[in-house]
Amino acid sequence: MKKYFSLILCIMLVSFTACIAEKLSHEEFTILWQEYLTREFVESFDEQQSSKQRREIMDTVLQDYKVNKQVFYNYCKTKHPDKYKLFDVNP
């Protein structure tokens, strides 16, 4: 019985980690970033955005493109720390 339980637990763990291990390609990041810049420009034509406002804009872009926020912000944090600082994210 313990063997079956261990096997089922391992299968569940592998499938769970596979879901978490979503990755974002450089091309996908570039598309998302361009869309973000377009929306930020439209919304803040004459004013400086706060980090909260920038984060809200980026979150709507991610939602529209059906991209996991955590995946995006993790990628941004590791590959583009300068851009990550704009959002003042503390995951």
N, C-alpha and C. Protein backbone atom coordinates (compact mmCIF):
# COMPACT_ATOMS: atom_id res chain seq x y z
N MET A 1 0.82 -1.19 0.00
CA MET A 1 0.00 0.00 0.00
C MET A 1 0.87 1.26 0.00
N LYS A 2 1.97 1.18 0.76
CA LYS A 2 2.86 2.34 0.81
C LYS A 2 3.51 2.61 -0.54
N LYS A 3 3.78 1.55 -1.30
CA LYS A 3 4.37 1.71 -2.62
C LYS A 3 3.43 2.49 -3.54
N TYR A 4 2.16 2.12 -3.52
CA TYR A 4 1.19 2.79 -4.37
C TYR A 4 1.01 4.26 -3.95
N PHE A 5 0.95 4.46 -2.67
CA PHE A 5 0.82 5.83 -2.17
C PHE A 5 2.03 6.67 -2.59
N SER A 6 3.22 6.11 -2.45
CA SER A 6 4.45 6.82 -2.84
C SER A 6 4.46 7.09 -4.34
N LEU A 7 4.04 6.12 -5.12
CA LEU A 7 4.00 6.29 -6.56
C LEU A 7 3.02 7.40 -6.96
N ILE A 8 1.84 7.38 -6.38
CA ILE A 8 0.84 8.41 -6.67
C ILE A 8 1.35 9.78 -6.23
N LEU A 9 1.99 9.85 -5.09
CA LEU A 9 2.54 11.10 -4.60
C LEU A 9 3.62 11.63 -5.53
N CYS A 10 4.48 10.75 -6.02
CA CYS A 10 5.52 11.16 -6.96
C CYS A 10 4.94 11.67 -8.27
N ILE A 11 3.93 10.99 -8.77
CA ILE A 11 3.29 11.42 -10.02
C ILE A 11 2.64 12.79 -9.84
N MET A 12 1.98 12.98 -8.72
CA MET A 12 1.35 14.28 -8.45
C MET A 12 2.40 15.38 -8.33
N LEU A 13 3.49 15.09 -7.68
CA LEU A 13 4.56 16.07 -7.50
C LEU A 13 5.19 16.44 -8.83
N VAL A 14 5.43 15.46 -9.67
CA VAL A 14 6.02 15.73 -10.99
C VAL A 14 5.08 16.57 -11.84
N SER A 15 3.80 16.24 -11.84
CA SER A 15 2.85 17.01 -12.64
C SER A 15 2.69 18.42 -12.08
N PHE A 16 2.75 18.57 -10.77
CA PHE A 16 2.64 19.89 -10.16
C PHE A 16 3.84 20.75 -10.51
N THR A 17 5.03 20.20 -10.42
CA THR A 17 6.23 20.98 -10.75
C THR A 17 6.30 21.30 -12.23
N ALA A 18 5.74 20.45 -13.06
CA ALA A 18 5.71 20.74 -14.49
C ALA A 18 4.83 21.94 -14.77
N CYS A 19 3.75 22.08 -14.04
CA CYS A 19 2.87 23.23 -14.20
C CYS A 19 3.55 24.51 -13.72
N ILE A 20 4.27 24.41 -12.64
CA ILE A 20 4.94 25.59 -12.10
C ILE A 20 6.11 26.01 -12.99
N ALA A 21 6.73 25.07 -13.64
CA ALA A 21 7.93 25.35 -14.40
C ALA A 21 7.65 26.01 -15.75
N GLU A 22 6.56 26.75 -15.84
CA GLU A 22 6.30 27.48 -17.06
C GLU A 22 7.46 28.42 -17.31
N LYS A 23 7.80 28.57 -18.56
CA LYS A 23 8.90 29.45 -18.90
C LYS A 23 8.42 30.50 -19.87
N LEU A 24 9.15 31.58 -19.88
CA LEU A 24 8.83 32.69 -20.76
C LEU A 24 10.02 32.87 -21.68
N SER A 25 9.78 32.92 -22.96
CA SER A 25 10.88 33.11 -23.91
C SER A 25 11.18 34.59 -24.04
N HIS A 26 12.34 34.86 -24.61
CA HIS A 26 12.74 36.26 -24.83
C HIS A 26 11.75 36.95 -25.78
N GLU A 27 11.30 36.22 -26.78
CA GLU A 27 10.36 36.79 -27.74
C GLU A 27 9.02 37.13 -27.07
N GLU A 28 8.55 36.22 -26.22
CA GLU A 28 7.30 36.49 -25.50
C GLU A 28 7.44 37.69 -24.59
N PHE A 29 8.57 37.77 -23.90
CA PHE A 29 8.82 38.92 -23.02
C PHE A 29 8.81 40.21 -23.83
N THR A 30 9.45 40.20 -24.97
CA THR A 30 9.52 41.39 -25.82
C THR A 30 8.13 41.84 -26.26
N ILE A 31 7.30 40.90 -26.64
CA ILE A 31 5.93 41.23 -27.05
C ILE A 31 5.16 41.84 -25.88
N LEU A 32 5.26 41.19 -24.73
CA LEU A 32 4.56 41.70 -23.55
C LEU A 32 5.07 43.09 -23.16
N TRP A 33 6.38 43.28 -23.24
CA TRP A 33 6.96 44.56 -22.87
C TRP A 33 6.52 45.67 -23.83
N GLN A 34 6.48 45.38 -25.10
CA GLN A 34 6.03 46.37 -26.08
C GLN A 34 4.57 46.75 -25.85
N GLU A 35 3.76 45.75 -25.56
CA GLU A 35 2.35 46.02 -25.27
C GLU A 35 2.21 46.87 -24.01
N TYR A 36 3.01 46.55 -23.01
CA TYR A 36 3.00 47.34 -21.77
C TYR A 36 3.38 48.79 -22.06
N LEU A 37 4.45 49.01 -22.82
CA LEU A 37 4.90 50.37 -23.12
C LEU A 37 3.83 51.16 -23.88
N THR A 38 3.14 50.48 -24.79
CA THR A 38 2.07 51.14 -25.54
C THR A 38 0.95 51.58 -24.60
N ARG A 39 0.53 50.68 -23.74
CA ARG A 39 -0.56 51.01 -22.81
C ARG A 39 -0.14 52.06 -21.80
N GLU A 40 1.08 52.00 -21.34
CA GLU A 40 1.54 53.01 -20.39
C GLU A 40 1.56 54.38 -21.04
N PHE A 41 2.00 54.46 -22.28
CA PHE A 41 2.04 55.72 -23.00
C PHE A 41 0.63 56.30 -23.15
N VAL A 42 -0.31 55.45 -23.50
CA VAL A 42 -1.69 55.91 -23.69
C VAL A 42 -2.28 56.42 -22.37
N GLU A 43 -2.04 55.69 -21.29
CA GLU A 43 -2.62 56.06 -20.00
C GLU A 43 -1.92 57.22 -19.32
N SER A 44 -0.65 57.40 -19.60
CA SER A 44 0.10 58.42 -18.86
C SER A 44 0.78 59.39 -19.80
N PHE A 45 0.05 59.86 -20.75
CA PHE A 45 0.63 60.74 -21.75
C PHE A 45 1.30 61.96 -21.12
N ASP A 46 0.70 62.50 -20.08
CA ASP A 46 1.25 63.73 -19.50
C ASP A 46 1.59 63.63 -18.02
N GLU A 47 1.71 62.43 -17.50
CA GLU A 47 2.05 62.29 -16.08
C GLU A 47 2.94 61.08 -15.84
N GLN A 48 3.65 61.11 -14.75
CA GLN A 48 4.53 60.01 -14.36
C GLN A 48 3.70 58.97 -13.61
N GLN A 49 3.85 57.71 -13.97
CA GLN A 49 3.10 56.63 -13.33
C GLN A 49 3.80 56.21 -12.04
N SER A 50 3.00 55.86 -11.04
CA SER A 50 3.56 55.27 -9.83
C SER A 50 3.86 53.80 -10.10
N SER A 51 4.62 53.17 -9.23
CA SER A 51 4.93 51.75 -9.43
C SER A 51 3.65 50.91 -9.36
N LYS A 52 2.71 51.33 -8.53
CA LYS A 52 1.44 50.61 -8.43
C LYS A 52 0.67 50.72 -9.76
N GLN A 53 0.64 51.89 -10.34
CA GLN A 53 -0.05 52.07 -11.61
C GLN A 53 0.62 51.28 -12.73
N ARG A 54 1.96 51.28 -12.74
CA ARG A 54 2.68 50.50 -13.75
C ARG A 54 2.40 49.01 -13.58
N ARG A 55 2.36 48.56 -12.33
CA ARG A 55 2.08 47.15 -12.05
C ARG A 55 0.67 46.78 -12.51
N GLU A 56 -0.30 47.67 -12.27
CA GLU A 56 -1.67 47.40 -12.71
C GLU A 56 -1.75 47.31 -14.23
N ILE A 57 -1.04 48.17 -14.92
CA ILE A 57 -1.03 48.12 -16.39
C ILE A 57 -0.41 46.80 -16.85
N MET A 58 0.72 46.43 -16.26
CA MET A 58 1.38 45.19 -16.65
C MET A 58 0.52 43.99 -16.33
N ASP A 59 -0.17 44.01 -15.20
CA ASP A 59 -1.05 42.90 -14.83
C ASP A 59 -2.19 42.73 -15.83
N THR A 60 -2.72 43.83 -16.35
CA THR A 60 -3.78 43.71 -17.35
C THR A 60 -3.23 43.15 -18.66
N VAL A 61 -2.01 43.55 -19.00
CA VAL A 61 -1.37 42.99 -20.21
C VAL A 61 -1.20 41.48 -20.04
N LEU A 62 -0.69 41.08 -18.88
CA LEU A 62 -0.47 39.65 -18.63
C LEU A 62 -1.78 38.89 -18.64
N GLN A 63 -2.81 39.49 -18.09
CA GLN A 63 -4.12 38.84 -18.08
C GLN A 63 -4.66 38.71 -19.51
N ASP A 64 -4.51 39.75 -20.31
CA ASP A 64 -5.00 39.70 -21.69
C ASP A 64 -4.27 38.65 -22.52
N TYR A 65 -2.98 38.48 -22.25
CA TYR A 65 -2.19 37.49 -22.98
C TYR A 65 -2.16 36.13 -22.28
N LYS A 66 -2.86 36.03 -21.17
CA LYS A 66 -2.96 34.78 -20.40
C LYS A 66 -1.58 34.25 -19.99
N VAL A 67 -0.79 35.15 -19.42
CA VAL A 67 0.54 34.80 -18.93
C VAL A 67 0.52 34.89 -17.41
N ASN A 68 1.07 33.89 -16.78
CA ASN A 68 1.14 33.86 -15.32
C ASN A 68 1.99 35.02 -14.81
N LYS A 69 1.45 35.78 -13.86
CA LYS A 69 2.17 36.94 -13.33
C LYS A 69 3.49 36.54 -12.70
N GLN A 70 3.47 35.48 -11.92
CA GLN A 70 4.68 35.05 -11.23
C GLN A 70 5.78 34.67 -12.22
N VAL A 71 5.40 33.99 -13.28
CA VAL A 71 6.36 33.59 -14.31
C VAL A 71 6.97 34.82 -14.95
N PHE A 72 6.13 35.79 -15.29
CA PHE A 72 6.63 37.01 -15.91
C PHE A 72 7.55 37.78 -14.98
N TYR A 73 7.10 38.01 -13.76
CA TYR A 73 7.91 38.81 -12.83
C TYR A 73 9.21 38.11 -12.44
N ASN A 74 9.19 36.79 -12.35
CA ASN A 74 10.43 36.05 -12.09
C ASN A 74 11.41 36.20 -13.25
N TYR A 75 10.88 36.07 -14.47
CA TYR A 75 11.73 36.25 -15.65
C TYR A 75 12.29 37.67 -15.68
N CYS A 76 11.44 38.62 -15.46
CA CYS A 76 11.84 40.02 -15.48
C CYS A 76 12.90 40.30 -14.41
N LYS A 77 12.72 39.73 -13.26
CA LYS A 77 13.65 39.95 -12.14
C LYS A 77 15.04 39.40 -12.47
N THR A 78 15.09 38.23 -13.10
CA THR A 78 16.39 37.61 -13.38
C THR A 78 17.04 38.15 -14.65
N LYS A 79 16.23 38.39 -15.69
CA LYS A 79 16.80 38.78 -16.99
C LYS A 79 16.83 40.29 -17.22
N HIS A 80 15.91 41.03 -16.57
CA HIS A 80 15.81 42.47 -16.79
C HIS A 80 15.57 43.20 -15.46
N PRO A 81 16.54 43.18 -14.56
CA PRO A 81 16.33 43.78 -13.24
C PRO A 81 16.02 45.27 -13.28
N ASP A 82 16.53 45.97 -14.29
CA ASP A 82 16.22 47.39 -14.42
C ASP A 82 14.73 47.62 -14.67
N LYS A 83 14.14 46.78 -15.49
CA LYS A 83 12.71 46.89 -15.77
C LYS A 83 11.89 46.40 -14.58
N TYR A 84 12.39 45.39 -13.92
CA TYR A 84 11.71 44.83 -12.74
C TYR A 84 11.54 45.89 -11.66
N LYS A 85 12.53 46.74 -11.50
CA LYS A 85 12.47 47.80 -10.47
C LYS A 85 11.34 48.78 -10.71
N LEU A 86 10.91 48.91 -11.94
CA LEU A 86 9.80 49.84 -12.25
C LEU A 86 8.50 49.43 -11.57
N PHE A 87 8.36 48.13 -11.31
CA PHE A 87 7.11 47.63 -10.76
C PHE A 87 7.14 47.52 -9.24
N ASP A 88 8.30 47.61 -8.65
CA ASP A 88 8.45 47.54 -7.18
C ASP A 88 7.69 46.34 -6.64
N VAL A 89 7.95 45.17 -7.23
CA VAL A 89 7.25 43.93 -6.88
C VAL A 89 8.02 43.22 -5.78
N ASN A 90 7.30 42.73 -4.80
CA ASN A 90 7.89 41.94 -3.74
C ASN A 90 7.18 40.60 -3.62
N PRO A 91 7.48 39.67 -4.57
CA PRO A 91 6.76 38.39 -4.54
C PRO A 91 7.21 37.52 -3.39
